[in-house]
């Protein structure tokens, strides 16, 4: 899909797809999971800035009542009582 650009010399595209499989060297697998620190994937942050993964941490998702806007599905309000 081509998106509008702010210059005649610039083109922006969006590609939407589905990952159906991956291939990865076994040296980047630790305890059956992808080891992101070993791979150090590159990510563009904006402007001329890039970063890579050098540290990984885990965090539990927030707990609480799910609001419809969080999941994109309409729900009916619960009746009191």
PDB file of N, CA and C in Angstrom:
ATOM      1  N   UNK A   1       0.851  -1.144   0.000  1.00  0.00           N
ATOM      2  CA  UNK A   1       0.000   0.000   0.000  1.00  0.00           C
ATOM      3  C   UNK A   1       0.914   1.229   0.000  1.00  0.00           C
ATOM      4  N   UNK A   2       0.693   2.138  -0.909  1.00  0.00           N
ATOM      5  CA  UNK A   2       1.486   3.351  -0.992  1.00  0.00           C
ATOM      6  C   UNK A   2       0.801   4.468  -0.208  1.00  0.00           C
ATOM      7  N   UNK A   3       1.576   5.186   0.580  1.00  0.00           N
ATOM      8  CA  UNK A   3       1.055   6.279   1.396  1.00  0.00           C
ATOM      9  C   UNK A   3       1.493   7.619   0.826  1.00  0.00           C
ATOM     10  N   UNK A   4       0.754   8.679   1.115  1.00  0.00           N
ATOM     11  CA  UNK A   4       1.152   9.999   0.625  1.00  0.00           C
ATOM     12  C   UNK A   4       2.482  10.427   1.236  1.00  0.00           C
ATOM     13  N   UNK A   5       3.254  11.206   0.488  1.00  0.00           N
ATOM     14  CA  UNK A   5       4.554  11.682   0.951  1.00  0.00           C
ATOM     15  C   UNK A   5       4.589  13.197   0.861  1.00  0.00           C
ATOM     16  N   UNK A   6       5.528  13.799   1.571  1.00  0.00           N
ATOM     17  CA  UNK A   6       5.643  15.252   1.568  1.00  0.00           C
ATOM     18  C   UNK A   6       6.574  15.761   0.473  1.00  0.00           C
ATOM     19  N   UNK A   7       7.036  14.873  -0.391  1.00  0.00           N
ATOM     20  CA  UNK A   7       7.946  15.255  -1.464  1.00  0.00           C
ATOM     21  C   UNK A   7       7.706  14.357  -2.666  1.00  0.00           C
ATOM     22  N   UNK A   8       7.929  14.895  -3.852  1.00  0.00           N
ATOM     23  CA  UNK A   8       7.769  14.088  -5.070  1.00  0.00           C
ATOM     24  C   UNK A   8       8.856  13.027  -5.171  1.00  0.00           C
ATOM     25  N   UNK A   9       9.961  13.210  -4.453  1.00  0.00           N
ATOM     26  CA  UNK A   9      11.085  12.268  -4.502  1.00  0.00           C
ATOM     27  C   UNK A   9      11.007  11.201  -3.414  1.00  0.00           C
ATOM     28  N   UNK A  10       9.955  11.225  -2.623  1.00  0.00           N
ATOM     29  CA  UNK A  10       9.828  10.302  -1.499  1.00  0.00           C
ATOM     30  C   UNK A  10       8.616   9.398  -1.695  1.00  0.00           C
ATOM     31  N   UNK A  11       8.784   8.116  -1.383  1.00  0.00           N
ATOM     32  CA  UNK A  11       7.685   7.160  -1.455  1.00  0.00           C
ATOM     33  C   UNK A  11       7.621   6.419  -0.121  1.00  0.00           C
ATOM     34  N   UNK A  12       6.432   6.256   0.404  1.00  0.00           N
ATOM     35  CA  UNK A  12       6.226   5.508   1.645  1.00  0.00           C
ATOM     36  C   UNK A  12       5.327   4.318   1.339  1.00  0.00           C
ATOM     37  N   UNK A  13       5.712   3.143   1.828  1.00  0.00           N
ATOM     38  CA  UNK A  13       4.919   1.937   1.622  1.00  0.00           C
ATOM     39  C   UNK A  13       4.630   1.281   2.968  1.00  0.00           C
ATOM     40  N   UNK A  14       3.479   0.647   3.071  1.00  0.00           N
ATOM     41  CA  UNK A  14       3.139  -0.188   4.214  1.00  0.00           C
ATOM     42  C   UNK A  14       2.918  -1.590   3.668  1.00  0.00           C
ATOM     43  N   UNK A  15       3.575  -2.557   4.291  1.00  0.00           N
ATOM     44  CA  UNK A  15       3.424  -3.949   3.884  1.00  0.00           C
ATOM     45  C   UNK A  15       2.790  -4.700   5.048  1.00  0.00           C
ATOM     46  N   UNK A  16       1.704  -5.406   4.793  1.00  0.00           N
ATOM     47  CA  UNK A  16       1.017  -6.188   5.809  1.00  0.00           C
ATOM     48  C   UNK A  16       1.132  -7.651   5.410  1.00  0.00           C
ATOM     49  N   UNK A  17       1.542  -8.485   6.345  1.00  0.00           N
ATOM     50  CA  UNK A  17       1.696  -9.896   6.018  1.00  0.00           C
ATOM     51  C   UNK A  17       1.518 -10.769   7.247  1.00  0.00           C
ATOM     52  N   UNK A  18       1.662 -12.049   7.039  1.00  0.00           N
ATOM     53  CA  UNK A  18       1.552 -13.028   8.112  1.00  0.00           C
ATOM     54  C   UNK A  18       2.820 -13.863   8.116  1.00  0.00           C
ATOM     55  N   UNK A  19       3.464 -13.977   9.277  1.00  0.00           N
ATOM     56  CA  UNK A  19       4.653 -14.810   9.411  1.00  0.00           C
ATOM     57  C   UNK A  19       4.195 -16.257   9.502  1.00  0.00           C
ATOM     58  N   UNK A  20       4.674 -17.088   8.596  1.00  0.00           N
ATOM     59  CA  UNK A  20       4.267 -18.498   8.605  1.00  0.00           C
ATOM     60  C   UNK A  20       5.401 -19.415   9.050  1.00  0.00           C
ATOM     61  N   UNK A  21       6.569 -18.858   9.285  1.00  0.00           N
ATOM     62  CA  UNK A  21       7.688 -19.645   9.774  1.00  0.00           C
ATOM     63  C   UNK A  21       8.934 -18.795   9.857  1.00  0.00           C
ATOM     64  N   UNK A  22       9.904 -19.242  10.653  1.00  0.00           N
ATOM     65  CA  UNK A  22      11.180 -18.554  10.741  1.00  0.00           C
ATOM     66  C   UNK A  22      12.301 -19.582  10.697  1.00  0.00           C
ATOM     67  N   UNK A  23      13.464 -19.128  10.308  1.00  0.00           N
ATOM     68  CA  UNK A  23      14.671 -19.947  10.344  1.00  0.00           C
ATOM     69  C   UNK A  23      15.678 -19.194  11.196  1.00  0.00           C
ATOM     70  N   UNK A  24      16.293 -19.887  12.165  1.00  0.00           N
ATOM     71  CA  UNK A  24      17.242 -19.217  13.050  1.00  0.00           C
ATOM     72  C   UNK A  24      18.362 -20.179  13.401  1.00  0.00           C
ATOM     73  N   UNK A  25      19.563 -19.663  13.488  1.00  0.00           N
ATOM     74  CA  UNK A  25      20.724 -20.460  13.857  1.00  0.00           C
ATOM     75  C   UNK A  25      20.572 -20.907  15.310  1.00  0.00           C
ATOM     76  N   UNK A  26      20.851 -22.163  15.588  1.00  0.00           N
ATOM     77  CA  UNK A  26      20.684 -22.728  16.932  1.00  0.00           C
ATOM     78  C   UNK A  26      21.511 -21.991  17.986  1.00  0.00           C
ATOM     79  N   UNK A  27      22.595 -21.318  17.594  1.00  0.00           N
ATOM     80  CA  UNK A  27      23.419 -20.611  18.578  1.00  0.00           C
ATOM     81  C   UNK A  27      22.680 -19.436  19.221  1.00  0.00           C
ATOM     82  N   UNK A  28      21.566 -19.010  18.615  1.00  0.00           N
ATOM     83  CA  UNK A  28      20.788 -17.903  19.153  1.00  0.00           C
ATOM     84  C   UNK A  28      19.582 -18.375  19.962  1.00  0.00           C
ATOM     85  N   UNK A  29      19.518 -19.673  20.260  1.00  0.00           N
ATOM     86  CA  UNK A  29      18.439 -20.246  21.063  1.00  0.00           C
ATOM     87  C   UNK A  29      18.998 -20.602  22.438  1.00  0.00           C
ATOM     88  N   UNK A  30      18.337 -20.125  23.496  1.00  0.00           N
ATOM     89  CA  UNK A  30      18.726 -20.443  24.865  1.00  0.00           C
ATOM     90  C   UNK A  30      17.494 -20.969  25.586  1.00  0.00           C
ATOM     91  N   UNK A  31      17.595 -22.161  26.142  1.00  0.00           N
ATOM     92  CA  UNK A  31      16.475 -22.790  26.859  1.00  0.00           C
ATOM     93  C   UNK A  31      15.206 -22.832  26.013  1.00  0.00           C
ATOM     94  N   UNK A  32      15.348 -23.087  24.718  1.00  0.00           N
ATOM     95  CA  UNK A  32      14.209 -23.234  23.825  1.00  0.00           C
ATOM     96  C   UNK A  32      13.575 -21.930  23.364  1.00  0.00           C
ATOM     97  N   UNK A  33      14.180 -20.797  23.704  1.00  0.00           N
ATOM     98  CA  UNK A  33      13.637 -19.491  23.313  1.00  0.00           C
ATOM     99  C   UNK A  33      14.697 -18.681  22.572  1.00  0.00           C
ATOM    100  N   UNK A  34      14.234 -17.751  21.724  1.00  0.00           N
ATOM    101  CA  UNK A  34      15.150 -16.855  21.031  1.00  0.00           C
ATOM    102  C   UNK A  34      15.846 -15.981  22.069  1.00  0.00           C
ATOM    103  N   UNK A  35      17.173 -15.898  21.988  1.00  0.00           N
ATOM    104  CA  UNK A  35      17.969 -15.074  22.900  1.00  0.00           C
ATOM    105  C   UNK A  35      18.241 -13.732  22.227  1.00  0.00           C
ATOM    106  N   UNK A  36      17.436 -12.717  22.552  1.00  0.00           N
ATOM    107  CA  UNK A  36      17.511 -11.425  21.868  1.00  0.00           C
ATOM    108  C   UNK A  36      18.830 -10.706  22.112  1.00  0.00           C
ATOM    109  N   UNK A  37      19.458 -10.919  23.270  1.00  0.00           N
ATOM    110  CA  UNK A  37      20.740 -10.270  23.535  1.00  0.00           C
ATOM    111  C   UNK A  37      21.818 -10.843  22.623  1.00  0.00           C
ATOM    112  N   UNK A  38      21.771 -12.146  22.357  1.00  0.00           N
ATOM    113  CA  UNK A  38      22.745 -12.751  21.436  1.00  0.00           C
ATOM    114  C   UNK A  38      22.545 -12.252  20.009  1.00  0.00           C
ATOM    115  N   UNK A  39      21.307 -12.108  19.594  1.00  0.00           N
ATOM    116  CA  UNK A  39      21.021 -11.666  18.227  1.00  0.00           C
ATOM    117  C   UNK A  39      21.276 -10.168  18.071  1.00  0.00           C
ATOM    118  N   UNK A  40      20.988  -9.395  19.094  1.00  0.00           N
ATOM    119  CA  UNK A  40      21.073  -7.931  19.072  1.00  0.00           C
ATOM    120  C   UNK A  40      20.379  -7.341  17.840  1.00  0.00           C
ATOM    121  N   UNK A  41      19.055  -7.534  17.728  1.00  0.00           N
ATOM    122  CA  UNK A  41      18.345  -6.993  16.569  1.00  0.00           C
ATOM    123  C   UNK A  41      18.432  -5.469  16.533  1.00  0.00           C
ATOM    124  N   UNK A  42      18.477  -4.932  15.329  1.00  0.00           N
ATOM    125  CA  UNK A  42      18.585  -3.498  15.100  1.00  0.00           C
ATOM    126  C   UNK A  42      17.195  -2.902  14.925  1.00  0.00           C
ATOM    127  N   UNK A  43      16.960  -1.745  15.523  1.00  0.00           N
ATOM    128  CA  UNK A  43      15.663  -1.077  15.404  1.00  0.00           C
ATOM    129  C   UNK A  43      15.878   0.400  15.103  1.00  0.00           C
ATOM    130  N   UNK A  44      15.053   0.948  14.229  1.00  0.00           N
ATOM    131  CA  UNK A  44      15.130   2.373  13.917  1.00  0.00           C
ATOM    132  C   UNK A  44      14.240   3.126  14.884  1.00  0.00           C
ATOM    133  N   UNK A  45      14.790   4.158  15.497  1.00  0.00           N
ATOM    134  CA  UNK A  45      14.055   4.945  16.476  1.00  0.00           C
ATOM    135  C   UNK A  45      13.447   6.204  15.874  1.00  0.00           C
ATOM    136  N   UNK A  46      13.949   6.663  14.768  1.00  0.00           N
ATOM    137  CA  UNK A  46      13.486   7.908  14.160  1.00  0.00           C
ATOM    138  C   UNK A  46      14.677   8.795  13.850  1.00  0.00           C
ATOM    139  N   UNK A  47      14.452   9.789  13.017  1.00  0.00           N
ATOM    140  CA  UNK A  47      15.528  10.667  12.566  1.00  0.00           C
ATOM    141  C   UNK A  47      16.668   9.802  12.041  1.00  0.00           C
ATOM    142  N   UNK A  48      17.883   9.993  12.553  1.00  0.00           N
ATOM    143  CA  UNK A  48      19.025   9.169  12.141  1.00  0.00           C
ATOM    144  C   UNK A  48      19.424   8.198  13.247  1.00  0.00           C
ATOM    145  N   UNK A  49      18.546   8.001  14.231  1.00  0.00           N
ATOM    146  CA  UNK A  49      18.878   7.209  15.411  1.00  0.00           C
ATOM    147  C   UNK A  49      18.421   5.759  15.286  1.00  0.00           C
ATOM    148  N   UNK A  50      19.309   4.851  15.712  1.00  0.00           N
ATOM    149  CA  UNK A  50      19.040   3.416  15.738  1.00  0.00           C
ATOM    150  C   UNK A  50      19.442   2.887  17.105  1.00  0.00           C
ATOM    151  N   UNK A  51      18.968   1.704  17.439  1.00  0.00           N
ATOM    152  CA  UNK A  51      19.343   1.067  18.689  1.00  0.00           C
ATOM    153  C   UNK A  51      19.393  -0.441  18.484  1.00  0.00           C
ATOM    154  N   UNK A  52      19.927  -1.166  19.457  1.00  0.00           N
ATOM    155  CA  UNK A  52      19.920  -2.623  19.430  1.00  0.00           C
ATOM    156  C   UNK A  52      19.667  -3.129  20.844  1.00  0.00           C
ATOM    157  N   UNK A  53      19.225  -4.374  20.945  1.00  0.00           N
ATOM    158  CA  UNK A  53      18.908  -4.971  22.241  1.00  0.00           C
ATOM    159  C   UNK A  53      20.202  -5.390  22.923  1.00  0.00           C
ATOM    160  N   UNK A  54      20.431  -4.857  24.122  1.00  0.00           N
ATOM    161  CA  UNK A  54      21.596  -5.255  24.903  1.00  0.00           C
ATOM    162  C   UNK A  54      21.187  -5.768  26.282  1.00  0.00           C
ATOM    163  N   UNK A  55      19.908  -5.621  26.622  1.00  0.00           N
ATOM    164  CA  UNK A  55      19.396  -6.083  27.907  1.00  0.00           C
ATOM    165  C   UNK A  55      17.927  -6.457  27.737  1.00  0.00           C
ATOM    166  N   UNK A  56      17.513  -7.536  28.376  1.00  0.00           N
ATOM    167  CA  UNK A  56      16.125  -7.994  28.296  1.00  0.00           C
ATOM    168  C   UNK A  56      15.602  -8.180  29.716  1.00  0.00           C
ATOM    169  N   UNK A  57      14.362  -7.775  29.953  1.00  0.00           N
ATOM    170  CA  UNK A  57      13.725  -8.007  31.244  1.00  0.00           C
ATOM    171  C   UNK A  57      12.293  -8.442  30.998  1.00  0.00           C
ATOM    172  N   UNK A  58      11.689  -9.061  31.992  1.00  0.00           N
ATOM    173  CA  UNK A  58      10.295  -9.483  31.875  1.00  0.00           C
ATOM    174  C   UNK A  58       9.444  -8.638  32.818  1.00  0.00           C
ATOM    175  N   UNK A  59       8.187  -8.508  32.468  1.00  0.00           N
ATOM    176  CA  UNK A  59       7.276  -7.713  33.274  1.00  0.00           C
ATOM    177  C   UNK A  59       5.876  -8.283  33.088  1.00  0.00           C
ATOM    178  N   UNK A  60       5.189  -8.510  34.193  1.00  0.00           N
ATOM    179  CA  UNK A  60       3.814  -8.998  34.119  1.00  0.00           C
ATOM    180  C   UNK A  60       2.915  -7.908  33.552  1.00  0.00           C
ATOM    181  N   UNK A  61       1.900  -8.300  32.785  1.00  0.00           N
ATOM    182  CA  UNK A  61       0.958  -7.295  32.287  1.00  0.00           C
ATOM    183  C   UNK A  61       0.167  -6.703  33.449  1.00  0.00           C
ATOM    184  N   UNK A  62      -0.341  -5.489  33.285  1.00  0.00           N
ATOM    185  CA  UNK A  62      -1.136  -4.895  34.365  1.00  0.00           C
ATOM    186  C   UNK A  62      -2.386  -5.718  34.635  1.00  0.00           C
ATOM    187  N   UNK A  63      -2.789  -5.742  35.872  1.00  0.00           N
ATOM    188  CA  UNK A  63      -3.995  -6.477  36.249  1.00  0.00           C
ATOM    189  C   UNK A  63      -5.134  -5.489  36.436  1.00  0.00           C
ATOM    190  N   UNK A  64      -6.318  -5.955  36.235  1.00  0.00           N
ATOM    191  CA  UNK A  64      -7.478  -5.096  36.404  1.00  0.00           C
ATOM    192  C   UNK A  64      -8.522  -5.449  35.371  1.00  0.00           C
ATOM    193  N   UNK A  65      -9.617  -4.753  35.430  1.00  0.00           N
ATOM    194  CA  UNK A  65     -10.717  -5.012  34.512  1.00  0.00           C
ATOM    195  C   UNK A  65     -10.340  -4.562  33.108  1.00  0.00           C
ATOM    196  N   UNK A  66     -10.619  -5.410  32.138  1.00  0.00           N
ATOM    197  CA  UNK A  66     -10.340  -5.075  30.746  1.00  0.00           C
ATOM    198  C   UNK A  66     -11.411  -4.122  30.250  1.00  0.00           C
ATOM    199  N   UNK A  67     -10.978  -3.009  29.676  1.00  0.00           N
ATOM    200  CA  UNK A  67     -11.918  -2.050  29.096  1.00  0.00           C
ATOM    201  C   UNK A  67     -12.072  -2.362  27.618  1.00  0.00           C
ATOM    202  N   UNK A  68     -13.261  -2.152  27.057  1.00  0.00           N
ATOM    203  CA  UNK A  68     -13.507  -2.474  25.644  1.00  0.00           C
ATOM    204  C   UNK A  68     -12.504  -1.825  24.698  1.00  0.00           C
ATOM    205  N   UNK A  69     -12.097  -0.587  24.964  1.00  0.00           N
ATOM    206  CA  UNK A  69     -11.153   0.079  24.069  1.00  0.00           C
ATOM    207  C   UNK A  69      -9.770  -0.559  24.097  1.00  0.00           C
ATOM    208  N   UNK A  70      -9.495  -1.367  25.132  1.00  0.00           N
ATOM    209  CA  UNK A  70      -8.218  -2.051  25.207  1.00  0.00           C
ATOM    210  C   UNK A  70      -8.161  -3.241  24.261  1.00  0.00           C
ATOM    211  N   UNK A  71      -9.283  -3.845  23.976  1.00  0.00           N
ATOM    212  CA  UNK A  71      -9.274  -5.054  23.157  1.00  0.00           C
ATOM    213  C   UNK A  71     -10.001  -4.888  21.841  1.00  0.00           C
ATOM    214  N   UNK A  72     -10.637  -3.750  21.644  1.00  0.00           N
ATOM    215  CA  UNK A  72     -11.295  -3.498  20.370  1.00  0.00           C
ATOM    216  C   UNK A  72     -12.608  -4.223  20.173  1.00  0.00           C
ATOM    217  N   UNK A  73     -13.150  -4.822  21.216  1.00  0.00           N
ATOM    218  CA  UNK A  73     -14.415  -5.543  21.113  1.00  0.00           C
ATOM    219  C   UNK A  73     -15.471  -4.852  21.956  1.00  0.00           C
ATOM    220  N   UNK A  74     -16.671  -4.654  21.426  1.00  0.00           N
ATOM    221  CA  UNK A  74     -17.725  -4.042  22.234  1.00  0.00           C
ATOM    222  C   UNK A  74     -18.210  -5.003  23.314  1.00  0.00           C
ATOM    223  N   UNK A  75     -18.504  -4.463  24.480  1.00  0.00           N
ATOM    224  CA  UNK A  75     -19.064  -5.282  25.560  1.00  0.00           C
ATOM    225  C   UNK A  75     -20.269  -4.556  26.132  1.00  0.00           C
ATOM    226  N   UNK A  76     -21.145  -5.302  26.776  1.00  0.00           N
ATOM    227  CA  UNK A  76     -22.317  -4.702  27.406  1.00  0.00           C
ATOM    228  C   UNK A  76     -21.979  -4.407  28.866  1.00  0.00           C
ATOM    229  N   UNK A  77     -22.476  -3.293  29.348  1.00  0.00           N
ATOM    230  CA  UNK A  77     -22.265  -2.933  30.749  1.00  0.00           C
ATOM    231  C   UNK A  77     -22.960  -3.950  31.643  1.00  0.00           C
ATOM    232  N   UNK A  78     -22.312  -4.285  32.753  1.00  0.00           N
ATOM    233  CA  UNK A  78     -22.914  -5.210  33.710  1.00  0.00           C
ATOM    234  C   UNK A  78     -23.965  -4.479  34.521  1.00  0.00           C
ATOM    235  N   UNK A  79     -25.091  -5.159  34.760  1.00  0.00           N
ATOM    236  CA  UNK A  79     -26.156  -4.578  35.580  1.00  0.00           C
ATOM    237  C   UNK A  79     -25.793  -4.764  37.046  1.00  0.00           C
ATOM    238  N   UNK A  80     -26.001  -3.733  37.864  1.00  0.00           N
ATOM    239  CA  UNK A  80     -25.689  -3.865  39.291  1.00  0.00           C
ATOM    240  C   UNK A  80     -26.536  -4.959  39.938  1.00  0.00           C
ATOM    241  N   UNK A  81     -25.941  -5.620  40.920  1.00  0.00           N
ATOM    242  CA  UNK A  81     -26.728  -6.589  41.666  1.00  0.00           C
ATOM    243  C   UNK A  81     -26.317  -7.929  41.387  1.00  0.00           C
TER     244      UNK A  81
END
